[in-house]
Protein backbone atom coordinates (compact mmCIF):
# COMPACT_ATOMS: atom_id res chain seq x y z
CA MET A 1 -7.76 23.18 -17.11
CA LYS A 2 -7.52 20.17 -14.83
CA LYS A 3 -5.97 20.48 -11.35
CA ILE A 4 -3.56 18.02 -9.84
CA ILE A 5 -2.73 17.99 -6.12
CA LEU A 6 0.65 16.54 -5.22
CA ILE A 7 1.05 15.54 -1.61
CA ARG A 8 4.30 14.70 0.38
CA PRO A 9 5.74 16.15 3.62
CA LYS A 10 8.55 17.97 1.58
CA ILE A 11 8.56 18.64 -2.17
CA GLY A 12 11.25 20.69 -3.83
CA PHE A 13 14.59 20.73 -5.45
CA GLY A 14 17.57 19.89 -3.23
CA LEU A 15 15.47 18.25 -0.56
CA GLY A 16 16.11 14.66 -1.35
CA GLY A 17 15.53 12.16 -4.11
CA ALA A 18 11.82 11.51 -3.88
CA GLU A 19 11.32 15.30 -3.00
CA THR A 20 13.13 16.31 -6.14
CA MET A 21 11.06 13.79 -8.18
CA GLY A 22 8.05 15.57 -6.75
CA ALA A 23 9.39 18.88 -7.84
CA ILE A 24 10.16 17.73 -11.36
CA LEU A 25 6.52 16.28 -11.64
CA THR A 26 5.31 19.76 -10.58
CA THR A 27 7.20 21.60 -13.26
CA LYS A 28 6.39 19.04 -15.96
CA PHE A 29 2.68 19.00 -15.11
CA LEU A 30 2.65 22.75 -15.51
CA ASP A 31 4.43 22.42 -18.83
CA TYR A 32 1.71 19.95 -19.93
CA GLY A 33 -0.98 22.51 -19.08
CA TYR A 34 -2.30 21.28 -15.64
CA GLU A 35 -2.89 23.46 -12.77
CA VAL A 36 -0.91 22.28 -9.74
CA GLY A 37 -1.37 22.41 -6.01
CA ILE A 38 1.00 21.13 -3.35
CA ILE A 39 0.11 19.97 0.17
CA ALA A 40 3.36 19.87 2.22
CA THR A 41 5.21 21.16 5.22
CA LYS A 42 7.99 22.53 3.10
CA ILE A 43 8.56 23.27 -0.57
CA ASN A 44 11.64 24.58 -2.46
CA PHE A 45 11.12 25.98 -6.08
CA PRO A 46 12.45 28.84 -8.13
CA GLN A 47 10.29 31.91 -7.80
CA ASP A 48 8.83 31.51 -11.36
CA ILE A 49 7.42 28.14 -10.39
CA LEU A 50 6.16 29.39 -7.02
CA ASP A 51 4.15 31.99 -8.80
CA LYS A 52 2.29 29.31 -10.89
CA ILE A 53 1.42 26.78 -8.11
CA SER A 54 -1.00 26.72 -5.22
CA PHE A 55 0.65 25.86 -1.87
CA TYR A 56 -1.34 24.53 1.02
CA PRO A 57 1.03 24.47 3.94
CA ILE A 58 0.93 22.14 6.82
CA LYS A 59 2.49 23.23 10.17
CA ILE A 60 3.37 20.43 12.45
CA LYS A 61 4.76 20.61 16.04
CA GLY A 62 5.65 17.97 18.49
CA ARG A 63 7.97 15.07 18.76
CA GLY A 64 8.19 11.59 17.30
CA SER A 65 8.24 10.69 13.66
CA ILE A 66 5.09 8.52 13.89
CA PHE A 67 3.03 11.20 15.72
CA LYS A 68 4.12 13.81 13.02
CA TYR A 69 3.28 11.37 10.30
CA TRP A 70 -0.17 10.91 11.78
CA LEU A 71 -0.71 14.71 12.10
CA PHE A 72 0.36 15.20 8.48
CA LEU A 73 -2.22 12.65 7.30
CA LYS A 74 -5.01 14.23 9.40
CA GLN A 75 -4.27 17.79 8.40
CA ALA A 76 -3.87 16.90 4.70
CA MET A 77 -7.19 15.16 4.74
CA ARG A 78 -8.89 18.32 6.16
CA ILE A 79 -7.38 20.40 3.41
CA LEU A 80 -8.56 18.00 0.74
CA LYS A 81 -12.11 18.40 1.98
CA ILE A 82 -12.20 22.15 1.29
CA ILE A 83 -10.27 22.52 -1.99
CA ASP A 84 -11.21 21.68 -5.47
CA TYR A 85 -9.11 19.36 -7.63
CA ASP A 86 -9.39 16.67 -10.37
CA TYR A 87 -6.54 14.28 -9.41
CA LEU A 88 -4.67 13.53 -6.17
CA VAL A 89 -1.18 12.25 -6.95
CA SER A 90 0.84 11.03 -3.94
CA PRO A 91 4.59 10.23 -4.20
CA PHE A 92 4.02 9.25 -0.56
CA ARG A 93 1.96 6.66 1.41
CA PHE A 94 -1.34 8.56 1.59
CA PRO A 95 -4.82 6.80 1.64
CA GLY A 96 -7.20 7.61 -1.01
CA SER A 97 -4.90 8.79 -3.81
CA ASP A 98 -6.01 8.64 -7.40
CA LEU A 99 -2.40 7.79 -8.28
CA LEU A 100 0.05 6.50 -5.72
CA ILE A 101 3.74 6.50 -6.73
CA LEU A 102 5.91 4.03 -4.91
CA CYS A 103 9.11 6.12 -4.58
CA ASP A 104 9.65 5.12 -0.88
CA PRO A 105 10.70 1.69 0.38
CA LEU A 106 7.82 -0.77 0.74
CA GLN A 107 7.52 -0.97 4.53
CA ARG A 108 6.55 -4.59 4.68
CA PHE A 109 9.72 -5.70 2.70
CA TRP A 110 12.03 -3.21 4.33
CA ILE A 111 11.17 -4.23 7.94
CA GLU A 112 11.89 -7.80 7.04
CA GLN A 113 15.13 -6.84 5.51
CA LYS A 114 15.97 -4.79 8.63
CA SER A 115 15.12 -7.68 10.80
CA GLU A 116 17.26 -10.12 8.85
CA ASN A 117 20.29 -7.84 8.43
CA PHE A 118 20.63 -5.26 11.28
CA VAL A 119 19.48 -6.68 14.58
CA VAL A 120 19.92 -9.85 16.52
CA LYS A 121 16.29 -10.44 17.34
CA LYS A 122 13.58 -10.51 14.77
CA VAL A 123 11.56 -7.36 14.41
CA ASN A 124 8.26 -7.44 16.43
CA PHE A 125 5.67 -6.68 13.87
CA LEU A 126 3.13 -5.99 16.77
CA ARG A 127 5.02 -2.96 17.97
CA PRO A 128 2.78 0.24 17.60
CA ARG A 129 5.19 1.85 15.27
CA TYR A 130 5.29 -0.97 12.83
CA ARG A 131 1.64 -1.58 13.05
CA PHE A 132 0.93 2.00 12.18
CA LEU A 133 3.32 2.03 9.27
CA LEU A 134 2.05 -1.17 7.90
CA ASN A 135 -1.53 -0.25 8.30
CA VAL A 136 -1.11 3.19 6.51
CA GLU A 137 0.77 1.36 3.73
CA LYS A 138 -1.86 -1.31 3.33
CA GLU A 139 -4.63 1.28 3.21
CA SER A 140 -2.71 3.48 0.86
CA ILE A 141 -2.06 0.74 -1.59
CA GLU A 142 -5.51 -0.87 -1.51
CA SER A 143 -7.40 2.43 -1.68
CA ALA A 144 -5.37 4.00 -4.60
CA LYS A 145 -7.11 3.91 -7.94
CA LYS A 146 -3.81 3.23 -9.70
CA ILE A 147 -0.27 2.67 -8.54
CA ILE A 148 3.10 3.42 -10.23
CA ALA A 149 6.19 1.39 -9.42
CA LEU A 150 9.48 2.99 -10.60
CA PHE A 151 11.16 -0.19 -11.66
CA ARG A 152 10.26 -3.91 -12.17
CA MET A 153 11.27 -4.83 -8.61
CA GLY A 154 8.67 -2.54 -7.22
CA LYS A 155 5.95 -4.35 -9.15
CA GLU A 156 7.36 -7.78 -8.11
CA LEU A 157 7.15 -6.72 -4.39
CA ILE A 158 3.59 -5.60 -4.94
CA SER A 159 2.81 -8.97 -6.48
CA GLN A 160 4.48 -10.62 -3.32
CA TYR A 161 2.94 -8.58 -0.55
CA TYR A 162 -0.23 -7.01 -1.99
CA PRO A 163 -1.13 -9.45 -4.84
CA GLN A 164 -4.76 -8.13 -4.98
CA THR A 165 -3.44 -4.76 -6.26
CA TYR A 166 -1.05 -6.12 -8.88
CA SER A 167 -3.51 -5.46 -11.82
CA LYS A 168 -3.69 -1.82 -11.07
CA THR A 169 0.10 -1.32 -10.68
CA PHE A 170 2.12 -0.01 -13.67
CA ILE A 171 5.81 0.78 -14.17
CA CYS A 172 7.07 4.33 -15.08
CA ASN A 173 10.87 4.45 -15.03
CA LEU A 174 12.45 7.42 -13.38
CA GLY A 175 14.23 10.06 -15.48
CA LEU A 176 17.51 11.78 -15.20
CA ASP A 177 18.98 15.20 -16.00
CA PHE A 178 21.46 14.38 -18.76
CA ASN A 179 22.69 17.91 -18.99
CA ARG A 180 23.99 17.51 -15.43
CA PHE A 181 25.02 13.81 -15.59
CA ASN A 182 26.81 12.82 -18.79
CA PRO A 183 29.94 10.94 -19.91
CA GLU A 184 31.73 14.19 -21.04
CA LEU A 185 32.37 14.70 -17.32
CA LYS A 186 35.01 11.95 -17.54
CA GLN A 187 37.17 14.05 -19.84
CA ASN A 188 38.13 16.07 -16.76
CA LYS A 189 38.91 12.94 -14.62
CA ALA A 190 42.72 13.32 -14.58
CA ASN A 191 42.57 16.92 -13.68
CA LEU A 192 40.09 16.28 -10.93
CA LYS A 193 42.23 13.60 -9.43
CA THR A 194 45.11 16.11 -9.22
CA GLU A 195 42.78 18.82 -7.89
CA PHE A 196 41.47 16.45 -5.06
CA GLY A 197 45.02 15.34 -4.18
CA PHE A 198 45.03 11.81 -5.55
CA SER A 199 47.57 10.15 -7.81
CA HIS A 200 46.89 8.76 -11.10
CA GLU A 201 47.63 5.17 -9.73
CA ASP A 202 44.88 5.50 -7.03
CA TYR A 203 41.75 3.54 -7.90
CA LEU A 204 38.83 5.52 -6.55
CA ILE A 205 35.57 3.80 -5.33
CA LEU A 206 32.71 6.26 -4.62
CA PHE A 207 29.86 5.44 -2.16
CA THR A 208 27.13 7.87 -1.66
CA GLY A 209 24.08 7.89 0.53
CA TYR A 210 22.61 9.51 3.57
CA ASN A 211 21.43 6.25 5.22
CA PRO A 212 24.75 4.35 5.35
CA ARG A 213 23.42 1.26 7.13
CA ARG A 214 20.58 0.77 4.72
CA LYS A 215 22.91 1.52 1.79
CA GLY A 216 25.48 -1.11 2.95
CA LEU A 217 28.38 1.15 3.87
CA PRO A 218 29.51 -1.18 6.79
CA LEU A 219 29.78 -4.11 4.37
CA LEU A 220 31.96 -2.14 2.07
CA LEU A 221 34.15 -0.78 4.86
CA GLY A 222 34.57 -4.35 6.11
CA LEU A 223 36.43 -5.47 2.98
CA MET A 224 38.63 -2.54 2.34
CA ASN A 225 41.66 -4.38 3.85
CA GLU A 226 41.07 -7.18 1.21
CA LEU A 227 41.42 -4.88 -1.66
CA PRO A 228 44.68 -3.71 -3.25
CA GLU A 229 46.55 -0.83 -1.46
CA ASN A 230 45.85 1.61 -4.33
CA VAL A 231 42.11 1.41 -3.69
CA LYS A 232 40.61 4.39 -1.93
CA LEU A 233 37.06 4.79 -0.88
CA LEU A 234 35.29 8.23 -1.12
CA ILE A 235 32.24 8.44 1.00
CA ALA A 236 29.66 11.14 0.19
CA GLY A 237 26.75 12.13 2.41
CA VAL A 238 28.31 10.83 5.56
CA ASN A 239 30.55 12.37 8.14
CA GLY A 240 33.35 10.42 9.79
CA LYS A 241 37.07 10.31 10.51
CA SER A 242 39.16 9.92 7.25
CA THR A 243 42.17 7.77 6.97
CA ASN A 244 44.70 7.50 4.12
CA ARG A 245 42.44 5.03 2.18
CA ILE A 246 38.92 6.07 3.42
CA ILE A 247 37.91 9.60 2.84
CA TYR A 248 34.61 10.96 4.31
CA LEU A 249 33.23 13.84 2.23
CA GLY A 250 30.22 14.70 4.28
CA LYS A 251 27.29 16.43 2.46
CA ILE A 252 28.29 17.74 -0.88
CA GLY A 253 26.58 19.83 -3.50
CA LYS A 254 28.07 18.86 -6.84
CA ILE A 255 28.08 15.03 -6.70
CA GLU A 256 28.73 14.94 -10.51
CA LYS A 257 32.38 16.01 -9.85
CA TYR A 258 32.81 12.86 -7.79
CA TYR A 259 31.09 10.65 -10.34
CA ALA A 260 33.58 12.13 -12.81
CA VAL A 261 36.74 11.31 -10.78
CA SER A 262 35.66 7.96 -9.56
CA ASP A 263 36.68 4.74 -11.19
CA LEU A 264 33.76 2.75 -9.78
CA VAL A 265 30.68 3.44 -7.90
CA VAL A 266 29.66 0.91 -5.31
CA LEU A 267 26.20 0.79 -3.65
CA PRO A 268 25.65 -2.44 -1.69
CA THR A 269 22.30 -1.41 -0.63
CA TYR A 270 19.89 -3.65 1.43
CA TYR A 271 16.88 -1.96 -0.28
CA ASP A 272 16.26 0.83 -2.72
CA PRO A 273 13.08 0.97 -4.80
CA GLY A 274 15.31 2.53 -7.49
CA ALA A 275 18.53 4.16 -6.52
CA MET A 276 19.22 7.42 -8.22
CA VAL A 277 22.87 7.02 -7.38
CA THR A 278 22.98 3.96 -9.70
CA LEU A 279 21.41 5.85 -12.53
CA GLU A 280 23.23 9.13 -12.05
CA ALA A 281 26.58 7.28 -11.99
CA LEU A 282 25.88 5.38 -15.21
CA ALA A 283 24.72 8.54 -16.87
CA SER A 284 28.01 10.11 -15.86
CA GLY A 285 29.93 7.31 -17.42
CA SER A 286 30.95 5.51 -14.20
CA PRO A 287 30.49 1.72 -13.84
CA VAL A 288 28.35 0.60 -10.90
CA ILE A 289 28.30 -2.26 -8.54
CA THR A 290 24.82 -2.35 -6.95
CA SER A 291 22.81 -5.04 -5.16
CA ILE A 292 20.06 -7.53 -5.99
CA PHE A 293 17.75 -5.23 -3.78
CA ASP A 294 18.14 -2.07 -5.99
CA GLY A 295 15.37 -1.57 -8.40
CA SER A 296 17.81 0.12 -10.77
CA LYS A 297 19.72 -3.13 -11.04
CA GLU A 298 17.66 -3.98 -14.12
CA PHE A 299 19.85 -1.55 -16.12
CA ILE A 300 23.18 -3.16 -15.15
CA LYS A 301 24.73 -5.21 -17.92
CA GLU A 302 27.40 -7.29 -16.11
CA GLY A 303 30.90 -6.65 -17.41
CA ILE A 304 29.66 -3.86 -19.68
CA ASN A 305 28.50 -1.12 -17.19
CA GLY A 306 29.04 -2.86 -13.87
CA PHE A 307 27.88 -5.79 -11.73
CA VAL A 308 25.19 -6.83 -9.34
CA THR A 309 26.21 -8.30 -5.92
CA ASN A 310 24.21 -10.68 -3.73
CA LEU A 311 25.67 -8.85 -0.72
CA GLU A 312 27.77 -11.67 0.49
CA LYS A 313 31.19 -10.23 1.46
CA GLY A 314 33.13 -12.55 -0.87
CA ASP A 315 30.92 -11.91 -3.78
CA LEU A 316 31.18 -8.04 -3.41
CA ARG A 317 35.02 -8.27 -3.08
CA ASN A 318 35.24 -10.45 -6.18
CA LYS A 319 33.01 -8.17 -8.18
CA ILE A 320 35.14 -5.23 -7.22
CA LEU A 321 38.35 -6.96 -8.27
CA GLN A 322 36.63 -8.02 -11.51
CA ALA A 323 35.60 -4.37 -12.23
CA MET A 324 39.26 -3.17 -11.50
CA ASN A 325 40.43 -5.45 -14.42
CA ILE A 326 37.89 -3.96 -16.92
CA SER A 327 38.36 -0.85 -18.93
CA PHE A 328 34.69 0.42 -18.95
CA ASP A 329 33.65 2.77 -21.72
CA PRO A 330 32.03 5.90 -20.22
CA TYR A 331 29.88 6.38 -23.27
CA ILE A 332 28.56 2.79 -23.33
CA CYS A 333 27.78 3.18 -19.57
CA SER A 334 25.80 6.22 -20.32
CA GLN A 335 23.96 4.77 -23.39
CA THR A 336 22.48 1.97 -21.40
CA ILE A 337 20.01 4.35 -19.76
CA GLN A 338 19.65 7.00 -22.43
CA GLN A 339 15.90 6.24 -22.52
CA LEU A 340 15.43 7.33 -18.92
CA THR A 341 14.35 11.00 -19.52
CA TRP A 342 12.08 13.06 -17.25
CA ASP A 343 9.81 13.72 -20.28
CA ASN A 344 9.40 9.97 -20.83
CA TYR A 345 8.62 9.47 -17.11
CA VAL A 346 6.04 12.22 -16.91
CA ARG A 347 4.44 11.24 -20.12
CA CYS A 348 4.02 7.76 -18.69
CA VAL A 349 2.58 9.12 -15.42
CA ILE A 350 0.10 11.38 -17.35
CA ASN A 351 -0.96 8.51 -19.51
CA ILE A 352 -1.85 6.33 -16.59
CA LEU A 353 -3.48 9.28 -14.73
CA SER A 354 -5.67 10.11 -17.79
CA GLY A 355 -7.05 6.56 -17.69
CA ILE A 356 -8.65 7.05 -14.26
């Protein structure tokens, strides 16, 4: 039985998108007959999975995200020297991986995006923080035996920023839990509107994301006054002061209820390797407006299951108004991504891993 080591600071269900992906990889690797070990500071699994895996915990103290990142790398490298394994799979920027999965933003591109959209002055790439992040990213990508991008955009960015590694980069599309996210949820839409205190005339737009600035929430908030009065914006994952038309939901557990009640999901993100929000919403039968910088945009069929915005305010407003005049079919929205199952994703990963 071959042993796979997964490495990321946190891996487990309910800990975040990439962390949950790591957890699903863990359970699927076990199902496919691999022995699995995890190097992390925190994991979250049901007890039956915990009983089957080897956990190599890392304890980190101190302040500063970069210092903690450096400590994590150093301690993980020490652990790898004293344990036996066949493959090192890293859904995290870690040098020397057999298989590097690009589920986090590509730092080089994201720093440029941040420079262009969020600050007055250009980012100084010579700052120690950026130099460290870029050096680790470069070493991780160049030293990996093979690389997986989650969508076409990820491989295109590799071609742009690390062209020498393009030939060892492959695409494995993320999967979804279609038992949790499916168009049947829409059958309860009218009841949920009443339960949540909305009228049937209200047009509900859902935004969800824990990083509101990167996800483009300020842009969306800035055009609310230009939309019809019956449009209300539900904001999940963010705390704030609600008004009659803008409702902050904070952190919520069952996001599928809000996909079910929403008329449209809008994610004007400045960068997502592949937004799970886009895919979950489509699976749940909700049309989506996402941006040109979302890897998941390749599954948007304009006018059929949503639109793609270039992030200009006028363009986003017009796309929302267009969407309001279309009666989207929940089942067609969901069918556009029916091939994105977790089994397909893991089989793709294993196929690439077996070629190392």
